[in-house]
C-alpha atoms as a PDB file:
ATOM      1  CA  MET A   1       7.442  42.741   5.272  1.00  0.00           C
ATOM      2  CA  LYS A   2       4.855  43.910   7.770  1.00  0.00           C
ATOM      3  CA  ILE A   3       1.682  41.412   8.808  1.00  0.00           C
ATOM      4  CA  SER A   4      -0.756  43.141  10.783  1.00  0.00           C
ATOM      5  CA  ASP A   5      -3.799  42.058  12.141  1.00  0.00           C
ATOM      6  CA  SER A   6      -5.721  43.742   9.973  1.00  0.00           C
ATOM      7  CA  ASN A   7      -4.313  41.943   6.812  1.00  0.00           C
ATOM      8  CA  ALA A   8      -5.179  38.531   8.805  1.00  0.00           C
ATOM      9  CA  ASN A   9      -8.942  40.332   9.482  1.00  0.00           C
ATOM     10  CA  TYR A  10      -8.940  41.120   5.482  1.00  0.00           C
ATOM     11  CA  GLY A  11      -8.358  37.707   4.389  1.00  0.00           C
ATOM     12  CA  ARG A  12     -10.844  35.927   6.964  1.00  0.00           C
ATOM     13  CA  GLN A  13     -13.600  38.201   5.547  1.00  0.00           C
ATOM     14  CA  LEU A  14     -12.656  37.583   2.106  1.00  0.00           C
ATOM     15  CA  TYR A  15     -12.657  33.587   2.715  1.00  0.00           C
ATOM     16  CA  MET A  16     -15.950  33.979   4.418  1.00  0.00           C
ATOM     17  CA  ARG A  17     -17.429  35.922   1.526  1.00  0.00           C
ATOM     18  CA  GLU A  18     -16.406  33.198  -0.757  1.00  0.00           C
ATOM     19  CA  VAL A  19     -17.846  30.602   1.383  1.00  0.00           C
ATOM     20  CA  ALA A  20     -21.130  32.704   1.475  1.00  0.00           C
ATOM     21  CA  GLU A  21     -20.962  33.173  -2.491  1.00  0.00           C
ATOM     22  CA  ALA A  22     -20.620  29.543  -2.985  1.00  0.00           C
ATOM     23  CA  ASN A  23     -23.160  28.172  -0.041  1.00  0.00           C
ATOM     24  CA  PRO A  24     -26.130  30.857  -0.512  1.00  0.00           C
ATOM     25  CA  ALA A  25     -28.221  28.791   1.926  1.00  0.00           C
ATOM     26  CA  LYS A  26     -25.896  29.661   4.711  1.00  0.00           C
ATOM     27  CA  GLN A  27     -25.329  33.046   4.539  1.00  0.00           C
ATOM     28  CA  GLY A  28     -26.511  33.589   7.786  1.00  0.00           C
ATOM     29  CA  SER A  29     -24.695  33.581  11.117  1.00  0.00           C
ATOM     30  CA  GLN A  30     -21.892  31.563   8.961  1.00  0.00           C
ATOM     31  CA  ALA A  31     -21.662  34.487   6.560  1.00  0.00           C
ATOM     32  CA  ARG A  32     -20.743  36.961   9.740  1.00  0.00           C
ATOM     33  CA  GLY A  33     -17.976  34.269  10.577  1.00  0.00           C
ATOM     34  CA  GLN A  34     -19.587  32.610  13.388  1.00  0.00           C
ATOM     35  CA  GLU A  35     -19.290  29.079  12.127  1.00  0.00           C
ATOM     36  CA  ARG A  36     -20.735  25.752  14.019  1.00  0.00           C
ATOM     37  CA  ALA A  37     -20.921  22.190  13.457  1.00  0.00           C
ATOM     38  CA  THR A  38     -24.606  21.410  13.324  1.00  0.00           C
ATOM     39  CA  ALA A  39     -26.847  18.200  13.748  1.00  0.00           C
ATOM     40  CA  GLY A  40     -27.182  18.346   9.979  1.00  0.00           C
ATOM     41  CA  ASP A  41     -23.397  17.961   9.095  1.00  0.00           C
ATOM     42  CA  LYS A  42     -22.823  14.654   7.259  1.00  0.00           C
ATOM     43  CA  VAL A  43     -19.716  13.102   6.017  1.00  0.00           C
ATOM     44  CA  THR A  44     -19.766  10.301   2.918  1.00  0.00           C
ATOM     45  CA  LEU A  45     -16.970   8.508   1.875  1.00  0.00           C
ATOM     46  CA  SER A  46     -16.780   6.967  -1.698  1.00  0.00           C
ATOM     47  CA  ARG A  47     -17.300   3.054  -1.851  1.00  0.00           C
ATOM     48  CA  ASP A  48     -13.095   3.473  -2.902  1.00  0.00           C
ATOM     49  CA  SER A  49     -12.292   4.987   0.053  1.00  0.00           C
ATOM     50  CA  ARG A  50     -14.172   2.810   2.582  1.00  0.00           C
ATOM     51  CA  ASP A  51     -12.681  -0.173   0.451  1.00  0.00           C
ATOM     52  CA  MET A  52      -8.993   1.460   1.463  1.00  0.00           C
ATOM     53  CA  GLN A  53      -9.748   1.834   4.919  1.00  0.00           C
ATOM     54  CA  ILE A  54     -11.071  -1.683   5.311  1.00  0.00           C
ATOM     55  CA  ALA A  55      -7.788  -2.748   3.430  1.00  0.00           C
ATOM     56  CA  ARG A  56      -5.423  -0.541   5.429  1.00  0.00           C
ATOM     57  CA  ASP A  57      -7.255  -1.850   8.805  1.00  0.00           C
ATOM     58  CA  ALA A  58      -6.793  -5.359   7.549  1.00  0.00           C
ATOM     59  CA  MET A  59      -2.808  -4.643   6.923  1.00  0.00           C
ATOM     60  CA  MET A  60      -2.528  -2.960  10.567  1.00  0.00           C
ATOM     61  CA  ASN A  61      -4.049  -6.058  12.265  1.00  0.00           C
ATOM     62  CA  ALA A  62      -1.917  -8.472  10.371  1.00  0.00           C
ATOM     63  CA  PRO A  63       1.148  -9.946  11.935  1.00  0.00           C
ATOM     64  CA  ASP A  64       4.234  -8.969  10.411  1.00  0.00           C
ATOM     65  CA  ILE A  65       5.455 -12.355  10.462  1.00  0.00           C
ATOM     66  CA  ARG A  66       3.463 -15.623   9.396  1.00  0.00           C
ATOM     67  CA  THR A  67       4.781 -17.877  11.855  1.00  0.00           C
ATOM     68  CA  GLU A  68       3.177 -21.106   9.982  1.00  0.00           C
ATOM     69  CA  LYS A  69       5.337 -20.242   6.678  1.00  0.00           C
ATOM     70  CA  VAL A  70       8.641 -19.642   8.750  1.00  0.00           C
ATOM     71  CA  GLU A  71       7.997 -22.752  10.178  1.00  0.00           C
ATOM     72  CA  GLU A  72       7.776 -24.705   6.891  1.00  0.00           C
ATOM     73  CA  LEU A  73      10.187 -23.219   5.165  1.00  0.00           C
ATOM     74  CA  ARG A  74      12.314 -23.895   7.984  1.00  0.00           C
ATOM     75  CA  ASN A  75      11.987 -27.599   8.433  1.00  0.00           C
ATOM     76  CA  GLU A  76      12.416 -27.900   4.683  1.00  0.00           C
ATOM     77  CA  VAL A  77      15.702 -26.229   5.069  1.00  0.00           C
ATOM     78  CA  LYS A  78      16.947 -28.529   8.040  1.00  0.00           C
ATOM     79  CA  ALA A  79      15.587 -31.637   5.935  1.00  0.00           C
ATOM     80  CA  GLY A  80      17.957 -30.494   3.301  1.00  0.00           C
ATOM     81  CA  ARG A  81      14.475 -30.274   0.517  1.00  0.00           C
ATOM     82  CA  TYR A  82      14.620 -26.571   0.093  1.00  0.00           C
ATOM     83  CA  ALA A  83      15.761 -25.708  -3.317  1.00  0.00           C
ATOM     84  CA  VAL A  84      15.847 -22.064  -4.463  1.00  0.00           C
ATOM     85  CA  PRO A  85      14.806 -21.828  -8.150  1.00  0.00           C
ATOM     86  CA  ALA A  86      17.849 -19.902  -9.742  1.00  0.00           C
ATOM     87  CA  ASP A  87      15.498 -18.445 -12.766  1.00  0.00           C
ATOM     88  CA  LYS A  88      13.430 -16.990 -10.213  1.00  0.00           C
ATOM     89  CA  VAL A  89      16.234 -15.710  -8.175  1.00  0.00           C
ATOM     90  CA  ALA A  90      17.636 -14.067 -11.498  1.00  0.00           C
ATOM     91  CA  ASP A  91      14.487 -12.304 -12.596  1.00  0.00           C
ATOM     92  CA  LYS A  92      14.548 -10.603  -9.050  1.00  0.00           C
ATOM     93  CA  ILE A  93      17.991  -9.113  -9.479  1.00  0.00           C
ATOM     94  CA  ILE A  94      17.306  -8.179 -12.851  1.00  0.00           C
ATOM     95  CA  ALA A  95      13.782  -6.499 -11.859  1.00  0.00           C
ATOM     96  CA  SER A  96      16.004  -4.798  -9.320  1.00  0.00           C
ATOM     97  CA  ALA A  97      18.348  -3.389 -10.798  1.00  0.00           C
ATOM     98  CA  ILE A  98      15.924  -2.047 -13.513  1.00  0.00           C
ATOM     99  CA  ASN A  99      13.804  -0.366 -10.884  1.00  0.00           C
ATOM    100  CA  GLU A 100      16.676   1.376  -9.304  1.00  0.00           C
ATOM    101  CA  TYR A 101      17.723   3.056 -12.645  1.00  0.00           C
ATOM    102  CA  VAL A 102      13.947   3.524 -13.359  1.00  0.00           C
END
């Protein structure tokens, strides 16, 4: 199949026509393919999108290792006070096995 420049121009023209029909107030220079950003362009994010951005930024800035928690657990293990609850370990193993098959 041969793709020529005229096919590309047709596609652009079709796209520009659809844009012009969707935005009749902007038919001027944009309909002729001369798209320009204007001072009136504006992007508005939804509240959920902003919340997700804040959460992502917080996660990216958080340390990977919680040193206080690691030191606390390390001291408990050294002192012999750290006990692993067998039922919680079993629950995690079962949940992991179920998730593997689902």
